[in-house]
Amino acid sequence: MHPYVFHAPNVQRLLKIQNKHKILTQSYAPLSPIVRDQGGPVDEVVERIAKEKNASPSQVLLAWNARFTQGCLVT
Protein backbone atom coordinates (compact mmCIF):
# COMPACT_ATOMS: atom_id res chain seq x y z
CA MET A 1 0.00 0.00 0.00
CA HIS A 2 1.24 3.46 -0.81
CA PRO A 3 -0.11 6.93 0.01
CA TYR A 4 0.10 7.88 -3.69
CA VAL A 5 -2.61 5.39 -4.60
CA PHE A 6 -4.45 4.79 -1.32
CA HIS A 7 -7.54 6.88 -2.15
CA ALA A 8 -7.95 5.60 -5.71
CA PRO A 9 -11.36 3.92 -6.17
CA ASN A 10 -9.84 0.65 -7.40
CA VAL A 11 -7.54 0.48 -4.38
CA GLN A 12 -10.44 1.15 -2.01
CA ARG A 13 -12.41 -1.70 -3.64
CA LEU A 14 -9.38 -3.98 -3.27
CA LEU A 15 -9.03 -3.08 0.42
CA LYS A 16 -12.69 -3.91 1.05
CA ILE A 17 -12.23 -7.33 -0.56
CA GLN A 18 -9.05 -7.91 1.44
CA ASN A 19 -10.76 -6.94 4.69
CA LYS A 20 -13.73 -9.17 3.93
CA HIS A 21 -11.45 -12.17 3.41
CA LYS A 22 -9.02 -11.20 6.19
CA ILE A 23 -6.14 -10.66 3.77
CA LEU A 24 -3.40 -8.52 5.31
CA THR A 25 -2.01 -5.55 3.44
CA GLN A 26 1.67 -4.73 3.67
CA SER A 27 3.66 -1.83 2.37
CA TYR A 28 6.87 -2.05 0.37
CA ALA A 29 9.34 0.86 0.31
CA PRO A 30 7.15 3.26 2.33
CA LEU A 31 9.81 5.97 2.27
CA SER A 32 10.11 6.14 -1.52
CA PRO A 33 8.01 9.34 -1.78
CA ILE A 34 10.73 11.30 0.00
CA VAL A 35 13.78 9.28 -1.00
CA ARG A 36 13.32 8.07 -4.56
CA ASP A 37 10.18 9.65 -6.05
CA GLN A 38 10.33 13.23 -4.87
CA GLY A 39 7.87 15.72 -6.29
CA GLY A 40 4.89 13.40 -5.99
CA PRO A 41 1.31 14.13 -4.97
CA VAL A 42 1.80 13.70 -1.21
CA ASP A 43 5.02 15.64 -0.71
CA GLU A 44 3.37 18.91 0.37
CA VAL A 45 1.01 17.12 2.73
CA VAL A 46 3.80 15.06 4.29
CA GLU A 47 5.94 18.18 4.78
CA ARG A 48 3.04 20.10 6.34
CA ILE A 49 2.17 17.28 8.74
CA ALA A 50 5.83 16.82 9.66
CA LYS A 51 6.09 20.51 10.59
CA GLU A 52 2.80 20.44 12.54
CA LYS A 53 3.84 17.36 14.49
CA ASN A 54 7.50 18.35 14.90
CA ALA A 55 8.49 15.14 13.13
CA SER A 56 10.50 14.17 10.09
CA PRO A 57 8.83 13.28 6.77
CA SER A 58 10.09 9.72 7.30
CA GLN A 59 8.27 9.50 10.63
CA VAL A 60 5.07 10.78 9.01
CA LEU A 61 5.19 8.17 6.24
CA LEU A 62 6.00 5.35 8.65
CA ALA A 63 3.12 6.43 10.92
CA TRP A 64 0.78 6.45 7.90
CA ASN A 65 1.87 2.92 7.03
CA ALA A 66 1.47 1.74 10.61
CA ARG A 67 -2.12 3.02 10.59
CA PHE A 68 -3.25 1.77 7.18
CA THR A 69 -1.30 -1.46 6.68
CA GLN A 70 -0.43 -4.53 8.71
CA GLY A 71 3.31 -4.11 8.27
CA CYS A 72 5.88 -2.59 6.01
CA LEU A 73 9.22 -3.48 4.49
CA VAL A 74 11.67 -0.60 4.63
CA THR A 75 14.34 -0.71 1.95
C-alpha atoms as a PDB file:
ATOM      1  CA  MET A   1       0.000   0.000   0.000  1.00  0.00           C
ATOM      2  CA  HIS A   2       1.238   3.460  -0.814  1.00  0.00           C
ATOM      3  CA  PRO A   3      -0.109   6.929   0.005  1.00  0.00           C
ATOM      4  CA  TYR A   4       0.101   7.881  -3.695  1.00  0.00           C
ATOM      5  CA  VAL A   5      -2.611   5.388  -4.605  1.00  0.00           C
ATOM      6  CA  PHE A   6      -4.451   4.793  -1.323  1.00  0.00           C
ATOM      7  CA  HIS A   7      -7.538   6.878  -2.151  1.00  0.00           C
ATOM      8  CA  ALA A   8      -7.950   5.598  -5.714  1.00  0.00           C
ATOM      9  CA  PRO A   9     -11.358   3.916  -6.172  1.00  0.00           C
ATOM     10  CA  ASN A  10      -9.837   0.652  -7.403  1.00  0.00           C
ATOM     11  CA  VAL A  11      -7.540   0.476  -4.376  1.00  0.00           C
ATOM     12  CA  GLN A  12     -10.443   1.153  -2.014  1.00  0.00           C
ATOM     13  CA  ARG A  13     -12.409  -1.702  -3.639  1.00  0.00           C
ATOM     14  CA  LEU A  14      -9.380  -3.976  -3.268  1.00  0.00           C
ATOM     15  CA  LEU A  15      -9.031  -3.076   0.416  1.00  0.00           C
ATOM     16  CA  LYS A  16     -12.691  -3.911   1.047  1.00  0.00           C
ATOM     17  CA  ILE A  17     -12.225  -7.330  -0.555  1.00  0.00           C
ATOM     18  CA  GLN A  18      -9.052  -7.910   1.443  1.00  0.00           C
ATOM     19  CA  ASN A  19     -10.764  -6.943   4.689  1.00  0.00           C
ATOM     20  CA  LYS A  20     -13.733  -9.174   3.928  1.00  0.00           C
ATOM     21  CA  HIS A  21     -11.452 -12.169   3.407  1.00  0.00           C
ATOM     22  CA  LYS A  22      -9.018 -11.204   6.190  1.00  0.00           C
ATOM     23  CA  ILE A  23      -6.138 -10.658   3.769  1.00  0.00           C
ATOM     24  CA  LEU A  24      -3.404  -8.522   5.310  1.00  0.00           C
ATOM     25  CA  THR A  25      -2.010  -5.550   3.437  1.00  0.00           C
ATOM     26  CA  GLN A  26       1.671  -4.732   3.672  1.00  0.00           C
ATOM     27  CA  SER A  27       3.663  -1.834   2.371  1.00  0.00           C
ATOM     28  CA  TYR A  28       6.868  -2.051   0.375  1.00  0.00           C
ATOM     29  CA  ALA A  29       9.335   0.862   0.306  1.00  0.00           C
ATOM     30  CA  PRO A  30       7.149   3.259   2.327  1.00  0.00           C
ATOM     31  CA  LEU A  31       9.813   5.968   2.273  1.00  0.00           C
ATOM     32  CA  SER A  32      10.115   6.141  -1.515  1.00  0.00           C
ATOM     33  CA  PRO A  33       8.010   9.339  -1.776  1.00  0.00           C
ATOM     34  CA  ILE A  34      10.729  11.304   0.003  1.00  0.00           C
ATOM     35  CA  VAL A  35      13.779   9.277  -1.001  1.00  0.00           C
ATOM     36  CA  ARG A  36      13.318   8.074  -4.565  1.00  0.00           C
ATOM     37  CA  ASP A  37      10.182   9.654  -6.048  1.00  0.00           C
ATOM     38  CA  GLN A  38      10.335  13.234  -4.868  1.00  0.00           C
ATOM     39  CA  GLY A  39       7.867  15.716  -6.288  1.00  0.00           C
ATOM     40  CA  GLY A  40       4.887  13.400  -5.992  1.00  0.00           C
ATOM     41  CA  PRO A  41       1.314  14.135  -4.972  1.00  0.00           C
ATOM     42  CA  VAL A  42       1.797  13.703  -1.210  1.00  0.00           C
ATOM     43  CA  ASP A  43       5.021  15.637  -0.710  1.00  0.00           C
ATOM     44  CA  GLU A  44       3.368  18.906   0.366  1.00  0.00           C
ATOM     45  CA  VAL A  45       1.006  17.116   2.729  1.00  0.00           C
ATOM     46  CA  VAL A  46       3.803  15.061   4.287  1.00  0.00           C
ATOM     47  CA  GLU A  47       5.941  18.179   4.778  1.00  0.00           C
ATOM     48  CA  ARG A  48       3.044  20.105   6.341  1.00  0.00           C
ATOM     49  CA  ILE A  49       2.166  17.283   8.736  1.00  0.00           C
ATOM     50  CA  ALA A  50       5.828  16.819   9.663  1.00  0.00           C
ATOM     51  CA  LYS A  51       6.088  20.515  10.594  1.00  0.00           C
ATOM     52  CA  GLU A  52       2.796  20.440  12.543  1.00  0.00           C
ATOM     53  CA  LYS A  53       3.838  17.360  14.495  1.00  0.00           C
ATOM     54  CA  ASN A  54       7.495  18.354  14.896  1.00  0.00           C
ATOM     55  CA  ALA A  55       8.485  15.140  13.127  1.00  0.00           C
ATOM     56  CA  SER A  56      10.502  14.168  10.089  1.00  0.00           C
ATOM     57  CA  PRO A  57       8.833  13.282   6.772  1.00  0.00           C
ATOM     58  CA  SER A  58      10.090   9.716   7.297  1.00  0.00           C
ATOM     59  CA  GLN A  59       8.269   9.504  10.626  1.00  0.00           C
ATOM     60  CA  VAL A  60       5.066  10.781   9.011  1.00  0.00           C
ATOM     61  CA  LEU A  61       5.188   8.167   6.240  1.00  0.00           C
ATOM     62  CA  LEU A  62       5.996   5.347   8.648  1.00  0.00           C
ATOM     63  CA  ALA A  63       3.122   6.430  10.919  1.00  0.00           C
ATOM     64  CA  TRP A  64       0.776   6.451   7.905  1.00  0.00           C
ATOM     65  CA  ASN A  65       1.870   2.922   7.028  1.00  0.00           C
ATOM     66  CA  ALA A  66       1.466   1.737  10.606  1.00  0.00           C
ATOM     67  CA  ARG A  67      -2.123   3.017  10.590  1.00  0.00           C
ATOM     68  CA  PHE A  68      -3.253   1.772   7.183  1.00  0.00           C
ATOM     69  CA  THR A  69      -1.296  -1.464   6.680  1.00  0.00           C
ATOM     70  CA  GLN A  70      -0.429  -4.525   8.712  1.00  0.00           C
ATOM     71  CA  GLY A  71       3.311  -4.112   8.274  1.00  0.00           C
ATOM     72  CA  CYS A  72       5.884  -2.594   6.008  1.00  0.00           C
ATOM     73  CA  LEU A  73       9.219  -3.478   4.485  1.00  0.00           C
ATOM     74  CA  VAL A  74      11.674  -0.596   4.628  1.00  0.00           C
ATOM     75  CA  THR A  75      14.341  -0.713   1.952  1.00  0.00           C
END
